[in-house]
């Protein structure tokens, strides 16, 4: 349970097999690019962003502070992991929060 408007720490654990860091040479980019990933928590029903962090995902744990929704009750948020280097490699997971 979370208190309205408070912050909580979220930890995302991933498999190193899925996220290996490589230098990319995009076809229309003048130099090598190091891939980055965005970890985002939001609610698509109300178009609200609760937390965002950019990471290279070289570590297996990513810590993200998210703000609890300001309304009491159950909230279904979505955690997105988005690549800035790959197409169709994004992940999304449902998070359920109970805010008091």
PDB file of N, CA and C in Angstrom:
ATOM      1  N   UNK A   1       0.832  -1.178   0.000  1.00  0.00           N
ATOM      2  CA  UNK A   1       0.000   0.000   0.000  1.00  0.00           C
ATOM      3  C   UNK A   1       0.880   1.246   0.000  1.00  0.00           C
ATOM      4  N   UNK A   2       0.403   2.248  -0.676  1.00  0.00           N
ATOM      5  CA  UNK A   2       1.107   3.521  -0.762  1.00  0.00           C
ATOM      6  C   UNK A   2       0.208   4.641  -0.274  1.00  0.00           C
ATOM      7  N   UNK A   3       0.818   5.715   0.184  1.00  0.00           N
ATOM      8  CA  UNK A   3       0.072   6.903   0.593  1.00  0.00           C
ATOM      9  C   UNK A   3       0.000   7.841  -0.601  1.00  0.00           C
ATOM     10  N   UNK A   4      -1.152   8.487  -0.795  1.00  0.00           N
ATOM     11  CA  UNK A   4      -1.363   9.400  -1.926  1.00  0.00           C
ATOM     12  C   UNK A   4      -0.228  10.405  -2.046  1.00  0.00           C
ATOM     13  N   UNK A   5       0.318  10.540  -3.229  1.00  0.00           N
ATOM     14  CA  UNK A   5       1.343  11.535  -3.511  1.00  0.00           C
ATOM     15  C   UNK A   5       2.723  11.220  -2.976  1.00  0.00           C
ATOM     16  N   UNK A   6       2.902  10.103  -2.260  1.00  0.00           N
ATOM     17  CA  UNK A   6       4.223   9.760  -1.739  1.00  0.00           C
ATOM     18  C   UNK A   6       5.065   9.117  -2.842  1.00  0.00           C
ATOM     19  N   UNK A   7       6.348   8.967  -2.569  1.00  0.00           N
ATOM     20  CA  UNK A   7       7.249   8.330  -3.529  1.00  0.00           C
ATOM     21  C   UNK A   7       7.612   6.945  -3.034  1.00  0.00           C
ATOM     22  N   UNK A   8       7.785   6.029  -3.955  1.00  0.00           N
ATOM     23  CA  UNK A   8       8.249   4.695  -3.596  1.00  0.00           C
ATOM     24  C   UNK A   8       9.355   4.299  -4.559  1.00  0.00           C
ATOM     25  N   UNK A   9      10.207   3.422  -4.073  1.00  0.00           N
ATOM     26  CA  UNK A   9      11.305   2.937  -4.897  1.00  0.00           C
ATOM     27  C   UNK A   9      10.870   1.656  -5.594  1.00  0.00           C
ATOM     28  N   UNK A  10      11.110   1.597  -6.875  1.00  0.00           N
ATOM     29  CA  UNK A  10      10.791   0.429  -7.678  1.00  0.00           C
ATOM     30  C   UNK A  10      12.095  -0.123  -8.223  1.00  0.00           C
ATOM     31  N   UNK A  11      12.253  -1.422  -8.172  1.00  0.00           N
ATOM     32  CA  UNK A  11      13.467  -2.039  -8.689  1.00  0.00           C
ATOM     33  C   UNK A  11      13.097  -2.983  -9.816  1.00  0.00           C
ATOM     34  N   UNK A  12      13.725  -2.791 -10.964  1.00  0.00           N
ATOM     35  CA  UNK A  12      13.484  -3.616 -12.141  1.00  0.00           C
ATOM     36  C   UNK A  12      14.692  -4.522 -12.319  1.00  0.00           C
ATOM     37  N   UNK A  13      14.460  -5.824 -12.362  1.00  0.00           N
ATOM     38  CA  UNK A  13      15.529  -6.791 -12.569  1.00  0.00           C
ATOM     39  C   UNK A  13      15.362  -7.391 -13.955  1.00  0.00           C
ATOM     40  N   UNK A  14      16.463  -7.496 -14.681  1.00  0.00           N
ATOM     41  CA  UNK A  14      16.384  -8.020 -16.043  1.00  0.00           C
ATOM     42  C   UNK A  14      17.454  -9.078 -16.268  1.00  0.00           C
ATOM     43  N   UNK A  15      17.312  -9.788 -17.345  1.00  0.00           N
ATOM     44  CA  UNK A  15      18.268 -10.813 -17.730  1.00  0.00           C
ATOM     45  C   UNK A  15      19.352 -10.200 -18.597  1.00  0.00           C
ATOM     46  N   UNK A  16      20.592 -10.479 -18.276  1.00  0.00           N
ATOM     47  CA  UNK A  16      21.696  -9.946 -19.077  1.00  0.00           C
ATOM     48  C   UNK A  16      21.698 -10.522 -20.485  1.00  0.00           C
ATOM     49  N   UNK A  17      21.085 -11.667 -20.669  1.00  0.00           N
ATOM     50  CA  UNK A  17      21.030 -12.267 -22.002  1.00  0.00           C
ATOM     51  C   UNK A  17      20.181 -11.397 -22.927  1.00  0.00           C
ATOM     52  N   UNK A  18      19.088 -10.847 -22.402  1.00  0.00           N
ATOM     53  CA  UNK A  18      18.218 -10.004 -23.225  1.00  0.00           C
ATOM     54  C   UNK A  18      18.843  -8.652 -23.528  1.00  0.00           C
ATOM     55  N   UNK A  19      19.576  -8.104 -22.562  1.00  0.00           N
ATOM     56  CA  UNK A  19      20.095  -6.747 -22.694  1.00  0.00           C
ATOM     57  C   UNK A  19      21.614  -6.761 -22.648  1.00  0.00           C
ATOM     58  N   UNK A  20      22.243  -7.003 -23.772  1.00  0.00           N
ATOM     59  CA  UNK A  20      23.688  -6.909 -23.848  1.00  0.00           C
ATOM     60  C   UNK A  20      24.029  -5.583 -24.505  1.00  0.00           C
ATOM     61  N   UNK A  21      25.023  -4.913 -23.947  1.00  0.00           N
ATOM     62  CA  UNK A  21      25.355  -3.592 -24.462  1.00  0.00           C
ATOM     63  C   UNK A  21      26.322  -3.722 -25.638  1.00  0.00           C
ATOM     64  N   UNK A  22      25.948  -3.139 -26.747  1.00  0.00           N
ATOM     65  CA  UNK A  22      26.767  -3.130 -27.943  1.00  0.00           C
ATOM     66  C   UNK A  22      26.822  -1.710 -28.481  1.00  0.00           C
ATOM     67  N   UNK A  23      27.862  -1.416 -29.223  1.00  0.00           N
ATOM     68  CA  UNK A  23      27.883  -0.154 -29.955  1.00  0.00           C
ATOM     69  C   UNK A  23      27.158  -0.388 -31.269  1.00  0.00           C
ATOM     70  N   UNK A  24      26.302   0.520 -31.611  1.00  0.00           N
ATOM     71  CA  UNK A  24      25.510   0.398 -32.834  1.00  0.00           C
ATOM     72  C   UNK A  24      26.013   1.386 -33.874  1.00  0.00           C
ATOM     73  N   UNK A  25      25.934   0.995 -35.117  1.00  0.00           N
ATOM     74  CA  UNK A  25      26.218   1.906 -36.219  1.00  0.00           C
ATOM     75  C   UNK A  25      24.933   2.058 -37.009  1.00  0.00           C
ATOM     76  N   UNK A  26      24.082   3.011 -36.599  1.00  0.00           N
ATOM     77  CA  UNK A  26      22.836   3.213 -37.339  1.00  0.00           C
ATOM     78  C   UNK A  26      23.122   3.665 -38.767  1.00  0.00           C
ATOM     79  N   UNK A  27      22.289   3.278 -39.721  1.00  0.00           N
ATOM     80  CA  UNK A  27      22.574   3.569 -41.128  1.00  0.00           C
ATOM     81  C   UNK A  27      22.617   5.052 -41.476  1.00  0.00           C
ATOM     82  N   UNK A  28      21.867   5.898 -40.779  1.00  0.00           N
ATOM     83  CA  UNK A  28      21.834   7.325 -41.116  1.00  0.00           C
ATOM     84  C   UNK A  28      22.412   8.193 -40.008  1.00  0.00           C
ATOM     85  N   UNK A  29      23.248   7.599 -39.172  1.00  0.00           N
ATOM     86  CA  UNK A  29      23.846   8.323 -38.053  1.00  0.00           C
ATOM     87  C   UNK A  29      25.346   8.383 -38.294  1.00  0.00           C
ATOM     88  N   UNK A  30      25.999   9.521 -38.109  1.00  0.00           N
ATOM     89  CA  UNK A  30      27.396   9.667 -38.532  1.00  0.00           C
ATOM     90  C   UNK A  30      28.429   8.936 -37.679  1.00  0.00           C
ATOM     91  N   UNK A  31      28.061   8.426 -36.506  1.00  0.00           N
ATOM     92  CA  UNK A  31      29.047   7.748 -35.671  1.00  0.00           C
ATOM     93  C   UNK A  31      28.375   6.641 -34.859  1.00  0.00           C
ATOM     94  N   UNK A  32      29.217   5.808 -34.221  1.00  0.00           N
ATOM     95  CA  UNK A  32      28.687   4.723 -33.390  1.00  0.00           C
ATOM     96  C   UNK A  32      27.819   5.286 -32.272  1.00  0.00           C
ATOM     97  N   UNK A  33      26.806   4.543 -31.921  1.00  0.00           N
ATOM     98  CA  UNK A  33      25.892   4.970 -30.868  1.00  0.00           C
ATOM     99  C   UNK A  33      25.799   3.865 -29.824  1.00  0.00           C
ATOM    100  N   UNK A  34      25.920   4.244 -28.576  1.00  0.00           N
ATOM    101  CA  UNK A  34      25.754   3.278 -27.496  1.00  0.00           C
ATOM    102  C   UNK A  34      24.267   3.198 -27.158  1.00  0.00           C
ATOM    103  N   UNK A  35      23.745   1.984 -27.130  1.00  0.00           N
ATOM    104  CA  UNK A  35      22.314   1.816 -26.901  1.00  0.00           C
ATOM    105  C   UNK A  35      21.924   2.267 -25.494  1.00  0.00           C
ATOM    106  N   UNK A  36      20.752   2.806 -25.389  1.00  0.00           N
ATOM    107  CA  UNK A  36      20.178   3.229 -24.116  1.00  0.00           C
ATOM    108  C   UNK A  36      18.766   2.654 -24.014  1.00  0.00           C
ATOM    109  N   UNK A  37      18.322   2.468 -22.807  1.00  0.00           N
ATOM    110  CA  UNK A  37      16.977   1.971 -22.546  1.00  0.00           C
ATOM    111  C   UNK A  37      16.282   2.938 -21.602  1.00  0.00           C
ATOM    112  N   UNK A  38      14.976   3.085 -21.763  1.00  0.00           N
ATOM    113  CA  UNK A  38      14.163   3.928 -20.898  1.00  0.00           C
ATOM    114  C   UNK A  38      13.237   3.026 -20.104  1.00  0.00           C
ATOM    115  N   UNK A  39      13.218   3.211 -18.792  1.00  0.00           N
ATOM    116  CA  UNK A  39      12.283   2.515 -17.918  1.00  0.00           C
ATOM    117  C   UNK A  39      11.241   3.553 -17.509  1.00  0.00           C
ATOM    118  N   UNK A  40       9.981   3.298 -17.848  1.00  0.00           N
ATOM    119  CA  UNK A  40       8.915   4.282 -17.675  1.00  0.00           C
ATOM    120  C   UNK A  40       7.738   3.624 -16.956  1.00  0.00           C
ATOM    121  N   UNK A  41       7.160   4.331 -15.980  1.00  0.00           N
ATOM    122  CA  UNK A  41       5.941   3.869 -15.309  1.00  0.00           C
ATOM    123  C   UNK A  41       4.866   4.912 -15.548  1.00  0.00           C
ATOM    124  N   UNK A  42       3.720   4.469 -16.067  1.00  0.00           N
ATOM    125  CA  UNK A  42       2.650   5.412 -16.365  1.00  0.00           C
ATOM    126  C   UNK A  42       1.285   4.758 -16.332  1.00  0.00           C
ATOM    127  N   UNK A  43       0.272   5.596 -16.459  1.00  0.00           N
ATOM    128  CA  UNK A  43      -1.120   5.151 -16.503  1.00  0.00           C
ATOM    129  C   UNK A  43      -1.720   5.642 -17.811  1.00  0.00           C
ATOM    130  N   UNK A  44      -2.013   4.726 -18.715  1.00  0.00           N
ATOM    131  CA  UNK A  44      -2.521   5.114 -20.032  1.00  0.00           C
ATOM    132  C   UNK A  44      -3.965   5.598 -19.980  1.00  0.00           C
ATOM    133  N   UNK A  45      -4.705   5.224 -18.937  1.00  0.00           N
ATOM    134  CA  UNK A  45      -6.105   5.654 -18.843  1.00  0.00           C
ATOM    135  C   UNK A  45      -6.235   7.152 -18.601  1.00  0.00           C
ATOM    136  N   UNK A  46      -5.289   7.716 -17.850  1.00  0.00           N
ATOM    137  CA  UNK A  46      -5.354   9.151 -17.538  1.00  0.00           C
ATOM    138  C   UNK A  46      -4.167   9.914 -18.138  1.00  0.00           C
ATOM    139  N   UNK A  47      -3.370   9.235 -18.968  1.00  0.00           N
ATOM    140  CA  UNK A  47      -2.191   9.841 -19.609  1.00  0.00           C
ATOM    141  C   UNK A  47      -1.268  10.510 -18.598  1.00  0.00           C
ATOM    142  N   UNK A  48      -0.909   9.767 -17.546  1.00  0.00           N
ATOM    143  CA  UNK A  48      -0.071  10.296 -16.474  1.00  0.00           C
ATOM    144  C   UNK A  48       1.211   9.492 -16.395  1.00  0.00           C
ATOM    145  N   UNK A  49       2.332  10.201 -16.268  1.00  0.00           N
ATOM    146  CA  UNK A  49       3.646   9.589 -16.120  1.00  0.00           C
ATOM    147  C   UNK A  49       4.044   9.668 -14.652  1.00  0.00           C
ATOM    148  N   UNK A  50       4.419   8.532 -14.057  1.00  0.00           N
ATOM    149  CA  UNK A  50       4.764   8.494 -12.636  1.00  0.00           C
ATOM    150  C   UNK A  50       6.255   8.338 -12.391  1.00  0.00           C
ATOM    151  N   UNK A  51       7.002   7.878 -13.357  1.00  0.00           N
ATOM    152  CA  UNK A  51       8.440   7.736 -13.189  1.00  0.00           C
ATOM    153  C   UNK A  51       9.104   7.417 -14.513  1.00  0.00           C
ATOM    154  N   UNK A  52      10.334   7.915 -14.674  1.00  0.00           N
ATOM    155  CA  UNK A  52      11.088   7.651 -15.901  1.00  0.00           C
ATOM    156  C   UNK A  52      12.574   7.667 -15.570  1.00  0.00           C
ATOM    157  N   UNK A  53      13.319   6.760 -16.175  1.00  0.00           N
ATOM    158  CA  UNK A  53      14.764   6.711 -15.975  1.00  0.00           C
ATOM    159  C   UNK A  53      15.426   6.150 -17.224  1.00  0.00           C
ATOM    160  N   UNK A  54      16.524   6.779 -17.636  1.00  0.00           N
ATOM    161  CA  UNK A  54      17.313   6.286 -18.763  1.00  0.00           C
ATOM    162  C   UNK A  54      18.468   5.473 -18.201  1.00  0.00           C
ATOM    163  N   UNK A  55      18.739   4.343 -18.833  1.00  0.00           N
ATOM    164  CA  UNK A  55      19.802   3.475 -18.353  1.00  0.00           C
ATOM    165  C   UNK A  55      20.422   2.730 -19.525  1.00  0.00           C
ATOM    166  N   UNK A  56      21.637   2.257 -19.316  1.00  0.00           N
ATOM    167  CA  UNK A  56      22.266   1.412 -20.331  1.00  0.00           C
ATOM    168  C   UNK A  56      21.981  -0.058 -20.045  1.00  0.00           C
ATOM    169  N   UNK A  57      21.411  -0.334 -18.882  1.00  0.00           N
ATOM    170  CA  UNK A  57      21.070  -1.698 -18.462  1.00  0.00           C
ATOM    171  C   UNK A  57      22.271  -2.641 -18.460  1.00  0.00           C
ATOM    172  N   UNK A  58      23.446  -2.111 -18.114  1.00  0.00           N
ATOM    173  CA  UNK A  58      24.596  -2.993 -17.953  1.00  0.00           C
ATOM    174  C   UNK A  58      24.550  -3.688 -16.598  1.00  0.00           C
ATOM    175  N   UNK A  59      23.787  -3.138 -15.663  1.00  0.00           N
ATOM    176  CA  UNK A  59      23.576  -3.788 -14.378  1.00  0.00           C
ATOM    177  C   UNK A  59      22.265  -4.566 -14.437  1.00  0.00           C
ATOM    178  N   UNK A  60      22.135  -5.560 -13.581  1.00  0.00           N
ATOM    179  CA  UNK A  60      20.923  -6.373 -13.620  1.00  0.00           C
ATOM    180  C   UNK A  60      19.761  -5.739 -12.874  1.00  0.00           C
ATOM    181  N   UNK A  61      20.014  -4.705 -12.065  1.00  0.00           N
ATOM    182  CA  UNK A  61      18.944  -4.026 -11.330  1.00  0.00           C
ATOM    183  C   UNK A  61      18.935  -2.547 -11.681  1.00  0.00           C
ATOM    184  N   UNK A  62      17.756  -2.028 -11.934  1.00  0.00           N
ATOM    185  CA  UNK A  62      17.573  -0.602 -12.196  1.00  0.00           C
ATOM    186  C   UNK A  62      16.598  -0.088 -11.149  1.00  0.00           C
ATOM    187  N   UNK A  63      16.995   0.951 -10.403  1.00  0.00           N
ATOM    188  CA  UNK A  63      16.129   1.515  -9.366  1.00  0.00           C
ATOM    189  C   UNK A  63      15.466   2.770  -9.894  1.00  0.00           C
ATOM    190  N   UNK A  64      14.165   2.860  -9.677  1.00  0.00           N
ATOM    191  CA  UNK A  64      13.362   3.955 -10.204  1.00  0.00           C
ATOM    192  C   UNK A  64      12.428   4.443  -9.108  1.00  0.00           C
ATOM    193  N   UNK A  65      12.440   5.753  -8.837  1.00  0.00           N
ATOM    194  CA  UNK A  65      11.495   6.346  -7.892  1.00  0.00           C
ATOM    195  C   UNK A  65      10.237   6.719  -8.651  1.00  0.00           C
ATOM    196  N   UNK A  66       9.096   6.265  -8.143  1.00  0.00           N
ATOM    197  CA  UNK A  66       7.834   6.645  -8.777  1.00  0.00           C
ATOM    198  C   UNK A  66       6.957   7.352  -7.750  1.00  0.00           C
ATOM    199  N   UNK A  67       6.169   8.282  -8.232  1.00  0.00           N
ATOM    200  CA  UNK A  67       5.227   9.004  -7.385  1.00  0.00           C
ATOM    201  C   UNK A  67       3.912   8.231  -7.358  1.00  0.00           C
ATOM    202  N   UNK A  68       3.371   8.040  -6.157  1.00  0.00           N
ATOM    203  CA  UNK A  68       2.090   7.342  -6.043  1.00  0.00           C
ATOM    204  C   UNK A  68       0.981   8.221  -6.613  1.00  0.00           C
ATOM    205  N   UNK A  69      -0.035   7.618  -7.206  1.00  0.00           N
ATOM    206  CA  UNK A  69      -1.169   8.401  -7.704  1.00  0.00           C
ATOM    207  C   UNK A  69      -1.801   9.234  -6.588  1.00  0.00           C
ATOM    208  N   UNK A  70      -2.379  10.367  -6.956  1.00  0.00           N
ATOM    209  CA  UNK A  70      -2.946  11.279  -5.956  1.00  0.00           C
ATOM    210  C   UNK A  70      -4.351  10.884  -5.514  1.00  0.00           C
ATOM    211  N   UNK A  71      -4.961   9.922  -6.155  1.00  0.00           N
ATOM    212  CA  UNK A  71      -6.308   9.466  -5.786  1.00  0.00           C
ATOM    213  C   UNK A  71      -6.210   8.122  -5.065  1.00  0.00           C
ATOM    214  N   UNK A  72      -7.025   7.957  -4.030  1.00  0.00           N
ATOM    215  CA  UNK A  72      -7.046   6.700  -3.283  1.00  0.00           C
ATOM    216  C   UNK A  72      -7.692   5.601  -4.119  1.00  0.00           C
ATOM    217  N   UNK A  73      -7.332   4.360  -3.794  1.00  0.00           N
ATOM    218  CA  UNK A  73      -7.931   3.220  -4.468  1.00  0.00           C
ATOM    219  C   UNK A  73      -6.906   2.396  -5.215  1.00  0.00           C
ATOM    220  N   UNK A  74      -7.404   1.423  -5.972  1.00  0.00           N
ATOM    221  CA  UNK A  74      -6.526   0.559  -6.762  1.00  0.00           C
ATOM    222  C   UNK A  74      -6.228   1.228  -8.093  1.00  0.00           C
ATOM    223  N   UNK A  75      -4.975   1.151  -8.486  1.00  0.00           N
ATOM    224  CA  UNK A  75      -4.542   1.730  -9.756  1.00  0.00           C
ATOM    225  C   UNK A  75      -3.768   0.675 -10.529  1.00  0.00           C
ATOM    226  N   UNK A  76      -4.050   0.567 -11.803  1.00  0.00           N
ATOM    227  CA  UNK A  76      -3.309  -0.345 -12.669  1.00  0.00           C
ATOM    228  C   UNK A  76      -2.378   0.492 -13.535  1.00  0.00           C
ATOM    229  N   UNK A  77      -1.092   0.432 -13.217  1.00  0.00           N
ATOM    230  CA  UNK A  77      -0.083   1.171 -13.966  1.00  0.00           C
ATOM    231  C   UNK A  77       0.621   0.211 -14.908  1.00  0.00           C
ATOM    232  N   UNK A  78       1.383   0.761 -15.818  1.00  0.00           N
ATOM    233  CA  UNK A  78       2.154  -0.049 -16.754  1.00  0.00           C
ATOM    234  C   UNK A  78       3.614   0.350 -16.662  1.00  0.00           C
ATOM    235  N   UNK A  79       4.484  -0.648 -16.579  1.00  0.00           N
ATOM    236  CA  UNK A  79       5.926  -0.436 -16.602  1.00  0.00           C
ATOM    237  C   UNK A  79       6.396  -0.748 -18.013  1.00  0.00           C
ATOM    238  N   UNK A  80       7.038   0.218 -18.642  1.00  0.00           N
ATOM    239  CA  UNK A  80       7.554   0.051 -20.001  1.00  0.00           C
ATOM    240  C   UNK A  80       9.076   0.032 -19.957  1.00  0.00           C
ATOM    241  N   UNK A  81       9.684  -0.822 -20.755  1.00  0.00           N
ATOM    242  CA  UNK A  81      11.126  -0.808 -20.990  1.00  0.00           C
ATOM    243  C   UNK A  81      11.284  -0.601 -22.488  1.00  0.00           C
ATOM    244  N   UNK A  82      11.842   0.565 -22.865  1.00  0.00           N
ATOM    245  CA  UNK A  82      11.855   0.997 -24.261  1.00  0.00           C
ATOM    246  C   UNK A  82      13.294   1.221 -24.716  1.00  0.00           C
ATOM    247  N   UNK A  83      13.644   0.674 -25.852  1.00  0.00           N
ATOM    248  CA  UNK A  83      14.975   0.845 -26.431  1.00  0.00           C
ATOM    249  C   UNK A  83      15.001   2.049 -27.360  1.00  0.00           C
ATOM    250  N   UNK A  84      16.133   2.765 -27.345  1.00  0.00           N
ATOM    251  CA  UNK A  84      16.300   3.849 -28.318  1.00  0.00           C
ATOM    252  C   UNK A  84      17.125   3.392 -29.517  1.00  0.00           C
ATOM    253  N   UNK A  85      17.453   2.093 -29.561  1.00  0.00           N
ATOM    254  CA  UNK A  85      18.296   1.582 -30.637  1.00  0.00           C
ATOM    255  C   UNK A  85      17.653   0.458 -31.440  1.00  0.00           C
ATOM    256  N   UNK A  86      16.685  -0.208 -30.879  1.00  0.00           N
ATOM    257  CA  UNK A  86      16.083  -1.364 -31.533  1.00  0.00           C
ATOM    258  C   UNK A  86      14.607  -1.119 -31.800  1.00  0.00           C
ATOM    259  N   UNK A  87      14.113  -1.697 -32.869  1.00  0.00           N
ATOM    260  CA  UNK A  87      12.693  -1.636 -33.193  1.00  0.00           C
ATOM    261  C   UNK A  87      12.038  -2.922 -32.694  1.00  0.00           C
ATOM    262  N   UNK A  88      10.857  -2.824 -32.145  1.00  0.00           N
ATOM    263  CA  UNK A  88      10.063  -3.972 -31.684  1.00  0.00           C
ATOM    264  C   UNK A  88      10.726  -4.764 -30.564  1.00  0.00           C
ATOM    265  N   UNK A  89      11.482  -4.098 -29.707  1.00  0.00           N
ATOM    266  CA  UNK A  89      12.079  -4.787 -28.564  1.00  0.00           C
ATOM    267  C   UNK A  89      11.558  -4.229 -27.251  1.00  0.00           C
ATOM    268  N   UNK A  90      10.484  -3.459 -27.299  1.00  0.00           N
ATOM    269  CA  UNK A  90       9.944  -2.851 -26.095  1.00  0.00           C
ATOM    270  C   UNK A  90       9.177  -3.894 -25.284  1.00  0.00           C
ATOM    271  N   UNK A  91       9.205  -3.721 -23.976  1.00  0.00           N
ATOM    272  CA  UNK A  91       8.505  -4.614 -23.061  1.00  0.00           C
ATOM    273  C   UNK A  91       7.520  -3.792 -22.252  1.00  0.00           C
ATOM    274  N   UNK A  92       6.426  -4.412 -21.831  1.00  0.00           N
ATOM    275  CA  UNK A  92       5.507  -3.745 -20.915  1.00  0.00           C
ATOM    276  C   UNK A  92       4.924  -4.757 -19.947  1.00  0.00           C
ATOM    277  N   UNK A  93       4.790  -4.312 -18.697  1.00  0.00           N
ATOM    278  CA  UNK A  93       4.305  -5.157 -17.617  1.00  0.00           C
ATOM    279  C   UNK A  93       3.272  -4.375 -16.817  1.00  0.00           C
ATOM    280  N   UNK A  94       2.255  -5.053 -16.331  1.00  0.00           N
ATOM    281  CA  UNK A  94       1.216  -4.421 -15.519  1.00  0.00           C
ATOM    282  C   UNK A  94       1.660  -4.363 -14.059  1.00  0.00           C
ATOM    283  N   UNK A  95       1.403  -3.226 -13.414  1.00  0.00           N
ATOM    284  CA  UNK A  95       1.656  -3.044 -11.983  1.00  0.00           C
ATOM    285  C   UNK A  95       0.341  -2.647 -11.327  1.00  0.00           C
ATOM    286  N   UNK A  96       0.001  -3.289 -10.226  1.00  0.00           N
ATOM    287  CA  UNK A  96      -1.196  -2.906  -9.488  1.00  0.00           C
ATOM    288  C   UNK A  96      -0.772  -2.266  -8.177  1.00  0.00           C
ATOM    289  N   UNK A  97      -1.265  -1.053  -7.926  1.00  0.00           N
ATOM    290  CA  UNK A  97      -0.964  -0.331  -6.695  1.00  0.00           C
ATOM    291  C   UNK A  97      -2.250  -0.088  -5.930  1.00  0.00           C
ATOM    292  N   UNK A  98      -2.174  -0.213  -4.604  1.00  0.00           N
ATOM    293  CA  UNK A  98      -3.295   0.131  -3.741  1.00  0.00           C
ATOM    294  C   UNK A  98      -2.889   1.374  -2.964  1.00  0.00           C
ATOM    295  N   UNK A  99      -3.515   2.499  -3.253  1.00  0.00           N
ATOM    296  CA  UNK A  99      -3.159   3.783  -2.646  1.00  0.00           C
ATOM    297  C   UNK A  99      -4.162   4.105  -1.548  1.00  0.00           C
ATOM    298  N   UNK A 100      -3.632   4.459  -0.359  1.00  0.00           N
ATOM    299  CA  UNK A 100      -4.500   4.814   0.777  1.00  0.00           C
ATOM    300  C   UNK A 100      -4.346   6.272   1.144  1.00  0.00           C
TER     301      UNK A 100
END
